[in-house]
């Protein structure tokens, strides 16, 4: 069953436990620079969790000239074939949220793989009680959900601008 991670930006405390648990899972050590989820803070107090939205049209997958990206049919997550990926950055350019990044050591594109259907970031966020990351199970495709997902496919600076207006009544970035 495809899943998705919704975000409640207002609830994010910036604790970065999601980055830690993600890097432990995928890299075997605490290494936030290689985490598939990243927390951006352009304004103190406004932390923005940033990760793959699994866009319905997957522009990153379609942009890869080396066919290094594919879609996991069970979770809906983007998968990266490290052997095929050259780190050209076409997926980053194609992503409306500029989510993928190049692995700091190994030079391949890094994108959230939803931990194979059991996202560690969501579990740790729930454990500490912030609930800024919410696991959503999609039993069948829905147009309203596809539209909602597109709304999350934004650059963190743009999310921060909207969040500052919501919380402070003005853009502070």
N, C-alpha and C. Protein backbone atom coordinates (compact mmCIF):
# COMPACT_ATOMS: atom_id res chain seq x y z
N UNK A 1 0.85 -1.18 0.00
CA UNK A 1 0.00 0.00 0.00
C UNK A 1 0.89 1.24 0.00
N UNK A 2 0.69 2.13 -0.96
CA UNK A 2 1.48 3.36 -0.98
C UNK A 2 1.26 4.18 0.30
N UNK A 3 2.33 4.81 0.74
CA UNK A 3 2.26 5.66 1.93
C UNK A 3 2.81 7.03 1.58
N UNK A 4 2.58 7.96 2.48
CA UNK A 4 3.04 9.32 2.30
C UNK A 4 3.29 9.92 3.66
N UNK A 5 4.24 10.82 3.75
CA UNK A 5 4.52 11.51 5.01
C UNK A 5 4.02 12.95 4.88
N UNK A 6 2.95 13.23 5.61
CA UNK A 6 2.43 14.60 5.67
C UNK A 6 3.25 15.36 6.70
N UNK A 7 3.25 16.67 6.60
CA UNK A 7 4.00 17.51 7.53
C UNK A 7 3.11 18.57 8.15
N UNK A 8 3.22 18.74 9.45
CA UNK A 8 2.56 19.84 10.15
C UNK A 8 3.68 20.77 10.59
N UNK A 9 4.01 21.72 9.75
CA UNK A 9 5.17 22.58 9.97
C UNK A 9 5.13 23.33 11.29
N UNK A 10 3.96 23.71 11.72
CA UNK A 10 3.82 24.46 12.97
C UNK A 10 4.27 23.62 14.16
N UNK A 11 4.10 22.32 14.09
CA UNK A 11 4.44 21.44 15.21
C UNK A 11 5.92 21.06 15.28
N UNK A 12 6.69 21.34 14.23
CA UNK A 12 8.10 20.96 14.23
C UNK A 12 8.87 21.83 15.21
N UNK A 13 9.57 21.17 16.14
CA UNK A 13 10.36 21.89 17.15
C UNK A 13 11.78 22.13 16.70
N UNK A 14 12.19 21.47 15.62
CA UNK A 14 13.58 21.59 15.19
C UNK A 14 14.53 20.70 15.98
N UNK A 15 14.01 19.69 16.66
CA UNK A 15 14.86 18.82 17.49
C UNK A 15 15.84 18.01 16.66
N UNK A 16 15.54 17.81 15.40
CA UNK A 16 16.39 17.10 14.44
C UNK A 16 16.56 15.61 14.72
N UNK A 17 15.69 15.07 15.57
CA UNK A 17 15.74 13.63 15.83
C UNK A 17 15.45 12.84 14.56
N UNK A 18 14.63 13.39 13.69
CA UNK A 18 14.32 12.73 12.42
C UNK A 18 15.57 12.60 11.56
N UNK A 19 16.38 13.65 11.52
CA UNK A 19 17.63 13.59 10.76
C UNK A 19 18.58 12.54 11.34
N UNK A 20 18.64 12.50 12.66
CA UNK A 20 19.53 11.55 13.32
C UNK A 20 19.12 10.12 13.04
N UNK A 21 17.84 9.80 13.24
CA UNK A 21 17.38 8.42 13.05
C UNK A 21 17.47 8.01 11.59
N UNK A 22 17.25 8.94 10.68
CA UNK A 22 17.36 8.64 9.25
C UNK A 22 18.81 8.31 8.89
N UNK A 23 19.74 9.12 9.35
CA UNK A 23 21.14 8.85 9.02
C UNK A 23 21.63 7.58 9.68
N UNK A 24 21.17 7.29 10.87
CA UNK A 24 21.53 6.02 11.51
C UNK A 24 21.02 4.84 10.69
N UNK A 25 19.79 4.93 10.22
CA UNK A 25 19.19 3.84 9.43
C UNK A 25 19.91 3.64 8.10
N UNK A 26 20.20 4.73 7.40
CA UNK A 26 20.74 4.62 6.04
C UNK A 26 22.26 4.67 5.96
N UNK A 27 22.90 5.31 6.92
CA UNK A 27 24.35 5.47 6.85
C UNK A 27 25.09 4.71 7.96
N UNK A 28 24.32 4.23 8.96
CA UNK A 28 24.95 3.48 10.05
C UNK A 28 25.64 4.36 11.07
N UNK A 29 25.42 5.66 10.98
CA UNK A 29 26.00 6.61 11.94
C UNK A 29 25.21 7.91 11.91
N UNK A 30 25.41 8.73 12.91
CA UNK A 30 24.75 10.03 12.95
C UNK A 30 25.47 10.94 11.97
N UNK A 31 24.76 11.29 10.91
CA UNK A 31 25.35 12.10 9.83
C UNK A 31 24.23 12.88 9.15
N UNK A 32 23.77 13.96 9.79
CA UNK A 32 22.64 14.71 9.24
C UNK A 32 22.83 15.19 7.80
N UNK A 33 24.07 15.42 7.40
CA UNK A 33 24.32 15.88 6.02
C UNK A 33 23.93 14.83 4.99
N UNK A 34 23.79 13.58 5.41
CA UNK A 34 23.41 12.50 4.49
C UNK A 34 22.00 11.99 4.77
N UNK A 35 21.28 12.67 5.67
CA UNK A 35 19.92 12.26 6.02
C UNK A 35 18.96 12.53 4.87
N UNK A 36 18.00 11.64 4.68
CA UNK A 36 17.01 11.79 3.61
C UNK A 36 15.94 12.81 3.98
N UNK A 37 15.86 13.17 5.25
CA UNK A 37 15.01 14.27 5.69
C UNK A 37 15.94 15.33 6.27
N UNK A 38 15.64 16.57 5.99
CA UNK A 38 16.48 17.65 6.50
C UNK A 38 15.58 18.72 7.12
N UNK A 39 16.11 19.33 8.15
CA UNK A 39 15.40 20.43 8.80
C UNK A 39 16.10 21.73 8.40
N UNK A 40 15.34 22.64 7.82
CA UNK A 40 15.86 23.95 7.45
C UNK A 40 15.33 24.99 8.42
N UNK A 41 16.20 25.93 8.82
CA UNK A 41 15.78 27.01 9.71
C UNK A 41 16.37 28.32 9.18
N UNK A 42 15.58 29.00 8.38
CA UNK A 42 15.99 30.30 7.86
C UNK A 42 15.68 31.41 8.85
N UNK A 43 14.69 31.15 9.71
CA UNK A 43 14.29 32.09 10.75
C UNK A 43 14.25 31.32 12.06
N UNK A 44 14.94 31.80 13.11
CA UNK A 44 14.90 31.08 14.39
C UNK A 44 13.46 30.86 14.85
N UNK A 45 13.17 29.61 15.20
CA UNK A 45 11.84 29.25 15.66
C UNK A 45 10.92 28.73 14.57
N UNK A 46 11.36 28.83 13.32
CA UNK A 46 10.56 28.32 12.20
C UNK A 46 11.36 27.22 11.51
N UNK A 47 11.19 26.00 11.98
CA UNK A 47 11.90 24.87 11.42
C UNK A 47 11.03 24.17 10.39
N UNK A 48 11.62 23.79 9.28
CA UNK A 48 10.87 23.19 8.18
C UNK A 48 11.45 21.82 7.85
N UNK A 49 10.71 20.73 8.16
CA UNK A 49 11.15 19.41 7.72
C UNK A 49 10.98 19.30 6.21
N UNK A 50 12.03 18.85 5.54
CA UNK A 50 12.05 18.83 4.08
C UNK A 50 12.42 17.43 3.61
N UNK A 51 11.51 16.79 2.87
CA UNK A 51 11.76 15.46 2.35
C UNK A 51 10.92 15.24 1.10
N UNK A 52 11.16 14.14 0.43
CA UNK A 52 10.47 13.84 -0.82
C UNK A 52 8.96 13.76 -0.61
N UNK A 53 8.23 14.34 -1.54
CA UNK A 53 6.78 14.35 -1.49
C UNK A 53 6.15 13.20 -2.26
N UNK A 54 6.95 12.47 -3.02
CA UNK A 54 6.44 11.42 -3.90
C UNK A 54 5.36 11.99 -4.81
N UNK A 55 5.76 13.01 -5.58
CA UNK A 55 4.83 13.65 -6.51
C UNK A 55 4.16 12.60 -7.39
N UNK A 56 2.92 12.84 -7.73
CA UNK A 56 2.17 11.89 -8.53
C UNK A 56 2.78 11.71 -9.93
N UNK A 57 3.44 12.74 -10.44
CA UNK A 57 4.04 12.65 -11.78
C UNK A 57 5.54 12.39 -11.73
N UNK A 58 6.13 12.32 -10.55
CA UNK A 58 7.55 11.98 -10.35
C UNK A 58 8.48 12.66 -11.36
N UNK A 59 8.57 14.00 -11.32
CA UNK A 59 9.43 14.68 -12.29
C UNK A 59 10.91 14.29 -12.15
N UNK A 60 11.34 13.92 -10.96
CA UNK A 60 12.73 13.52 -10.77
C UNK A 60 13.03 12.23 -11.54
N UNK A 61 12.12 11.28 -11.45
CA UNK A 61 12.31 9.99 -12.12
C UNK A 61 12.35 10.20 -13.63
N UNK A 62 11.42 11.00 -14.12
CA UNK A 62 11.34 11.25 -15.56
C UNK A 62 12.51 12.04 -16.10
N UNK A 63 13.20 12.79 -15.25
CA UNK A 63 14.31 13.63 -15.71
C UNK A 63 15.65 12.91 -15.77
N UNK A 64 15.74 11.75 -15.16
CA UNK A 64 17.03 11.07 -15.05
C UNK A 64 17.45 10.47 -16.40
N UNK A 65 18.54 10.99 -16.98
CA UNK A 65 18.98 10.48 -18.28
C UNK A 65 19.62 9.09 -18.20
N UNK A 66 19.91 8.63 -16.99
CA UNK A 66 20.59 7.34 -16.82
C UNK A 66 19.67 6.26 -16.26
N UNK A 67 18.39 6.59 -16.12
CA UNK A 67 17.39 5.63 -15.60
C UNK A 67 17.82 5.07 -14.25
N UNK A 68 18.42 5.95 -13.42
CA UNK A 68 18.88 5.53 -12.10
C UNK A 68 17.77 5.63 -11.06
N UNK A 69 16.67 6.29 -11.38
CA UNK A 69 15.55 6.45 -10.45
C UNK A 69 14.36 5.63 -10.91
N UNK A 70 13.71 5.02 -9.95
CA UNK A 70 12.50 4.25 -10.23
C UNK A 70 11.53 4.44 -9.06
N UNK A 71 10.33 3.89 -9.20
CA UNK A 71 9.31 4.04 -8.17
C UNK A 71 9.04 2.67 -7.55
N UNK A 72 9.12 2.61 -6.23
CA UNK A 72 8.81 1.38 -5.52
C UNK A 72 7.30 1.17 -5.58
N UNK A 73 6.87 0.09 -6.20
CA UNK A 73 5.43 -0.13 -6.40
C UNK A 73 4.69 -0.39 -5.11
N UNK A 74 5.37 -0.82 -4.06
CA UNK A 74 4.71 -1.09 -2.78
C UNK A 74 4.50 0.17 -1.95
N UNK A 75 5.49 1.06 -1.92
CA UNK A 75 5.40 2.24 -1.06
C UNK A 75 5.13 3.53 -1.83
N UNK A 76 5.49 3.56 -3.10
CA UNK A 76 5.37 4.79 -3.89
C UNK A 76 6.61 5.66 -3.77
N UNK A 77 7.62 5.19 -3.04
CA UNK A 77 8.85 5.97 -2.85
C UNK A 77 9.75 5.90 -4.08
N UNK A 78 10.54 6.93 -4.25
CA UNK A 78 11.54 6.96 -5.31
C UNK A 78 12.74 6.14 -4.85
N UNK A 79 13.20 5.28 -5.71
CA UNK A 79 14.39 4.46 -5.41
C UNK A 79 15.53 4.93 -6.28
N UNK A 80 16.73 4.95 -5.71
CA UNK A 80 17.93 5.38 -6.43
C UNK A 80 18.85 4.18 -6.61
N UNK A 81 19.20 3.90 -7.85
CA UNK A 81 20.18 2.86 -8.15
C UNK A 81 21.55 3.54 -8.11
N UNK A 82 22.28 3.31 -7.03
CA UNK A 82 23.57 3.97 -6.81
C UNK A 82 24.57 3.66 -7.92
N UNK A 83 24.44 2.49 -8.51
CA UNK A 83 25.38 2.08 -9.56
C UNK A 83 25.15 2.86 -10.86
N UNK A 84 23.90 3.21 -11.14
CA UNK A 84 23.57 3.93 -12.37
C UNK A 84 23.67 5.45 -12.21
N UNK A 85 23.50 5.94 -10.98
CA UNK A 85 23.47 7.39 -10.75
C UNK A 85 24.87 7.99 -10.90
N UNK A 86 24.95 9.05 -11.70
CA UNK A 86 26.22 9.74 -11.91
C UNK A 86 26.33 11.02 -11.08
N UNK A 87 25.23 11.39 -10.41
CA UNK A 87 25.24 12.63 -9.64
C UNK A 87 25.13 13.86 -10.52
N UNK A 88 24.50 13.71 -11.70
CA UNK A 88 24.40 14.82 -12.65
C UNK A 88 23.53 15.97 -12.15
N UNK A 89 22.59 15.68 -11.23
CA UNK A 89 21.74 16.72 -10.66
C UNK A 89 20.47 17.04 -11.43
N UNK A 90 20.19 16.32 -12.51
CA UNK A 90 18.96 16.58 -13.28
C UNK A 90 17.72 16.38 -12.41
N UNK A 91 17.76 15.42 -11.49
CA UNK A 91 16.61 15.17 -10.61
C UNK A 91 16.37 16.35 -9.67
N UNK A 92 17.44 16.97 -9.22
CA UNK A 92 17.33 18.14 -8.34
C UNK A 92 16.67 19.30 -9.09
N UNK A 93 17.12 19.51 -10.32
CA UNK A 93 16.57 20.58 -11.15
C UNK A 93 15.09 20.34 -11.44
N UNK A 94 14.71 19.09 -11.64
CA UNK A 94 13.32 18.76 -12.00
C UNK A 94 12.38 18.80 -10.81
N UNK A 95 12.89 18.62 -9.61
CA UNK A 95 12.05 18.55 -8.41
C UNK A 95 11.54 19.94 -8.03
N UNK A 96 10.22 20.10 -7.89
CA UNK A 96 9.68 21.42 -7.54
C UNK A 96 10.13 21.89 -6.16
N UNK A 97 10.53 20.98 -5.30
CA UNK A 97 11.00 21.35 -3.97
C UNK A 97 12.51 21.27 -3.81
N UNK A 98 13.21 20.95 -4.90
CA UNK A 98 14.67 20.77 -4.87
C UNK A 98 15.08 19.84 -3.72
N UNK A 99 14.34 18.74 -3.56
CA UNK A 99 14.56 17.82 -2.45
C UNK A 99 15.79 16.94 -2.61
N UNK A 100 15.98 16.28 -3.76
CA UNK A 100 17.16 15.42 -3.84
C UNK A 100 18.44 16.23 -3.64
N UNK A 101 19.46 15.57 -3.16
CA UNK A 101 20.77 16.20 -3.06
C UNK A 101 21.81 15.13 -3.35
N UNK A 102 23.03 15.54 -3.58
CA UNK A 102 24.09 14.60 -3.91
C UNK A 102 24.76 14.16 -2.61
N UNK A 103 24.88 12.85 -2.44
CA UNK A 103 25.48 12.27 -1.24
C UNK A 103 26.86 12.90 -1.01
N UNK A 104 27.12 13.38 0.21
CA UNK A 104 28.36 14.10 0.47
C UNK A 104 29.64 13.28 0.33
N UNK A 105 29.55 11.99 0.35
CA UNK A 105 30.75 11.16 0.21
C UNK A 105 30.76 10.39 -1.10
N UNK A 106 29.61 9.83 -1.47
CA UNK A 106 29.59 8.86 -2.56
C UNK A 106 29.08 9.41 -3.89
N UNK A 107 28.55 10.63 -3.94
CA UNK A 107 28.23 11.29 -5.19
C UNK A 107 26.99 10.84 -5.94
N UNK A 108 26.08 10.13 -5.30
CA UNK A 108 24.82 9.74 -5.95
C UNK A 108 23.68 10.56 -5.37
N UNK A 109 22.55 10.58 -6.08
CA UNK A 109 21.38 11.33 -5.62
C UNK A 109 20.78 10.64 -4.40
N UNK A 110 20.41 11.45 -3.43
CA UNK A 110 19.79 10.94 -2.20
C UNK A 110 18.36 11.44 -2.14
N UNK A 111 17.43 10.48 -2.00
CA UNK A 111 16.00 10.79 -1.92
C UNK A 111 15.38 9.85 -0.90
N UNK A 112 14.40 10.33 -0.15
CA UNK A 112 13.72 9.52 0.86
C UNK A 112 13.13 8.26 0.22
N UNK A 113 13.42 7.12 0.84
CA UNK A 113 12.87 5.84 0.35
C UNK A 113 11.77 5.31 1.26
N UNK A 114 11.29 6.16 2.16
CA UNK A 114 10.22 5.81 3.10
C UNK A 114 10.57 4.60 3.97
N UNK A 115 11.86 4.34 4.10
CA UNK A 115 12.35 3.23 4.94
C UNK A 115 11.64 1.91 4.60
N UNK A 116 11.36 1.73 3.33
CA UNK A 116 10.71 0.49 2.91
C UNK A 116 9.28 0.34 3.39
N UNK A 117 8.67 1.42 3.83
CA UNK A 117 7.27 1.38 4.26
C UNK A 117 7.08 1.60 5.75
N UNK A 118 8.16 1.78 6.49
CA UNK A 118 8.09 1.98 7.94
C UNK A 118 9.02 3.14 8.32
N UNK A 119 8.66 4.37 7.97
CA UNK A 119 9.55 5.51 8.12
C UNK A 119 9.97 5.78 9.58
N UNK A 120 11.28 5.72 9.78
CA UNK A 120 11.84 5.95 11.11
C UNK A 120 11.60 7.38 11.59
N UNK A 121 11.62 8.34 10.68
CA UNK A 121 11.43 9.74 11.07
C UNK A 121 10.05 9.97 11.69
N UNK A 122 9.04 9.33 11.11
CA UNK A 122 7.69 9.47 11.64
C UNK A 122 7.61 8.86 13.04
N UNK A 123 8.21 7.68 13.19
CA UNK A 123 8.16 7.00 14.49
C UNK A 123 8.82 7.83 15.59
N UNK A 124 9.98 8.40 15.31
CA UNK A 124 10.66 9.18 16.35
C UNK A 124 9.92 10.49 16.64
N UNK A 125 9.32 11.08 15.63
CA UNK A 125 8.56 12.31 15.83
C UNK A 125 7.33 12.04 16.70
N UNK A 126 6.69 10.89 16.47
CA UNK A 126 5.55 10.50 17.32
C UNK A 126 6.01 10.18 18.74
N UNK A 127 7.14 9.49 18.88
CA UNK A 127 7.66 9.10 20.20
C UNK A 127 7.88 10.32 21.10
N UNK A 128 8.44 11.38 20.54
CA UNK A 128 8.70 12.57 21.35
C UNK A 128 7.47 13.46 21.48
N UNK A 129 6.41 13.14 20.75
CA UNK A 129 5.15 13.84 20.92
C UNK A 129 4.95 15.09 20.09
N UNK A 130 5.83 15.34 19.13
CA UNK A 130 5.66 16.54 18.31
C UNK A 130 4.64 16.31 17.20
N UNK A 131 4.64 15.13 16.62
CA UNK A 131 3.70 14.77 15.56
C UNK A 131 3.71 15.77 14.40
N UNK A 132 4.90 16.24 14.07
CA UNK A 132 5.05 17.12 12.91
C UNK A 132 5.10 16.31 11.62
N UNK A 133 5.45 15.04 11.74
CA UNK A 133 5.48 14.12 10.60
C UNK A 133 4.39 13.08 10.83
N UNK A 134 3.53 12.91 9.84
CA UNK A 134 2.37 12.03 9.99
C UNK A 134 2.35 11.03 8.85
N UNK A 135 2.28 9.75 9.18
CA UNK A 135 2.21 8.71 8.18
C UNK A 135 0.79 8.59 7.65
N UNK A 136 0.65 8.64 6.34
CA UNK A 136 -0.65 8.53 5.69
C UNK A 136 -0.59 7.32 4.77
N UNK A 137 -1.57 6.42 4.92
CA UNK A 137 -1.65 5.24 4.06
C UNK A 137 -2.71 5.50 3.00
N UNK A 138 -2.31 5.29 1.76
CA UNK A 138 -3.20 5.57 0.63
C UNK A 138 -3.73 4.26 0.08
N UNK A 139 -4.97 3.95 0.39
CA UNK A 139 -5.55 2.69 -0.07
C UNK A 139 -5.80 2.69 -1.57
N UNK A 140 -6.11 3.84 -2.12
CA UNK A 140 -6.31 3.96 -3.56
C UNK A 140 -5.97 5.39 -3.95
N UNK A 141 -5.59 5.61 -5.20
CA UNK A 141 -5.26 6.97 -5.65
C UNK A 141 -6.47 7.90 -5.53
N UNK A 142 -6.22 9.12 -5.11
CA UNK A 142 -7.28 10.12 -4.98
C UNK A 142 -6.77 11.44 -5.52
N UNK A 143 -7.55 12.08 -6.35
CA UNK A 143 -7.15 13.34 -6.95
C UNK A 143 -6.88 14.41 -5.90
N UNK A 144 -7.72 14.50 -4.87
CA UNK A 144 -7.51 15.52 -3.85
C UNK A 144 -6.18 15.30 -3.12
N UNK A 145 -5.78 14.07 -2.96
CA UNK A 145 -4.51 13.78 -2.31
C UNK A 145 -3.34 14.13 -3.21
N UNK A 146 -3.49 13.90 -4.50
CA UNK A 146 -2.44 14.26 -5.45
C UNK A 146 -2.21 15.77 -5.44
N UNK A 147 -3.29 16.52 -5.36
CA UNK A 147 -3.19 17.98 -5.31
C UNK A 147 -2.53 18.41 -4.00
N UNK A 148 -2.92 17.80 -2.90
CA UNK A 148 -2.33 18.10 -1.60
C UNK A 148 -0.83 17.83 -1.60
N UNK A 149 -0.43 16.69 -2.15
CA UNK A 149 0.98 16.33 -2.19
C UNK A 149 1.78 17.37 -2.96
N UNK A 150 1.25 17.86 -4.07
CA UNK A 150 1.93 18.89 -4.85
C UNK A 150 2.16 20.15 -4.03
N UNK A 151 1.23 20.46 -3.13
CA UNK A 151 1.38 21.63 -2.27
C UNK A 151 2.57 21.53 -1.33
N UNK A 152 2.99 20.32 -1.03
CA UNK A 152 4.15 20.12 -0.15
C UNK A 152 5.46 20.09 -0.93
N UNK A 153 5.39 20.00 -2.23
CA UNK A 153 6.59 19.94 -3.07
C UNK A 153 7.09 21.35 -3.33
N UNK A 154 7.60 21.96 -2.28
CA UNK A 154 8.06 23.35 -2.36
C UNK A 154 9.42 23.47 -1.70
N UNK A 155 10.13 24.50 -2.06
CA UNK A 155 11.43 24.76 -1.46
C UNK A 155 11.24 25.24 -0.02
N UNK A 156 12.15 24.86 0.87
CA UNK A 156 11.97 25.22 2.29
C UNK A 156 11.91 26.73 2.55
N UNK A 157 12.58 27.52 1.75
CA UNK A 157 12.53 28.97 1.95
C UNK A 157 11.12 29.48 1.68
N UNK A 158 10.43 28.91 0.70
CA UNK A 158 9.06 29.33 0.39
C UNK A 158 8.10 28.90 1.49
N UNK A 159 8.31 27.71 2.05
CA UNK A 159 7.49 27.25 3.18
C UNK A 159 7.72 28.17 4.37
N UNK A 160 8.97 28.54 4.61
CA UNK A 160 9.30 29.43 5.73
C UNK A 160 8.60 30.78 5.58
N UNK A 161 8.57 31.31 4.37
CA UNK A 161 7.89 32.60 4.14
C UNK A 161 6.41 32.50 4.51
N UNK A 162 5.75 31.45 4.03
CA UNK A 162 4.33 31.27 4.35
C UNK A 162 4.12 31.02 5.84
N UNK A 163 5.00 30.26 6.45
CA UNK A 163 4.90 29.97 7.88
C UNK A 163 5.07 31.25 8.71
N UNK A 164 5.97 32.12 8.29
CA UNK A 164 6.18 33.37 9.03
C UNK A 164 4.95 34.27 8.93
N UNK A 165 4.29 34.27 7.79
CA UNK A 165 3.06 35.06 7.64
C UNK A 165 1.97 34.48 8.53
N UNK A 166 1.85 33.16 8.53
CA UNK A 166 0.85 32.49 9.35
C UNK A 166 1.05 32.77 10.84
N UNK A 167 2.30 32.67 11.30
CA UNK A 167 2.57 32.78 12.74
C UNK A 167 2.82 34.21 13.21
N UNK A 168 3.46 35.04 12.36
CA UNK A 168 3.83 36.38 12.78
C UNK A 168 3.07 37.49 12.08
N UNK A 169 2.25 37.11 11.10
CA UNK A 169 1.46 38.11 10.39
C UNK A 169 2.21 38.85 9.31
N UNK A 170 3.49 38.49 9.12
CA UNK A 170 4.27 39.13 8.05
C UNK A 170 5.41 38.22 7.64
N UNK A 171 5.91 38.47 6.45
CA UNK A 171 7.04 37.70 5.96
C UNK A 171 8.31 38.23 6.62
N UNK A 172 9.05 37.35 7.28
CA UNK A 172 10.25 37.80 8.00
C UNK A 172 11.53 37.24 7.40
N UNK A 173 11.41 36.64 6.24
CA UNK A 173 12.61 36.08 5.59
C UNK A 173 13.17 37.07 4.61
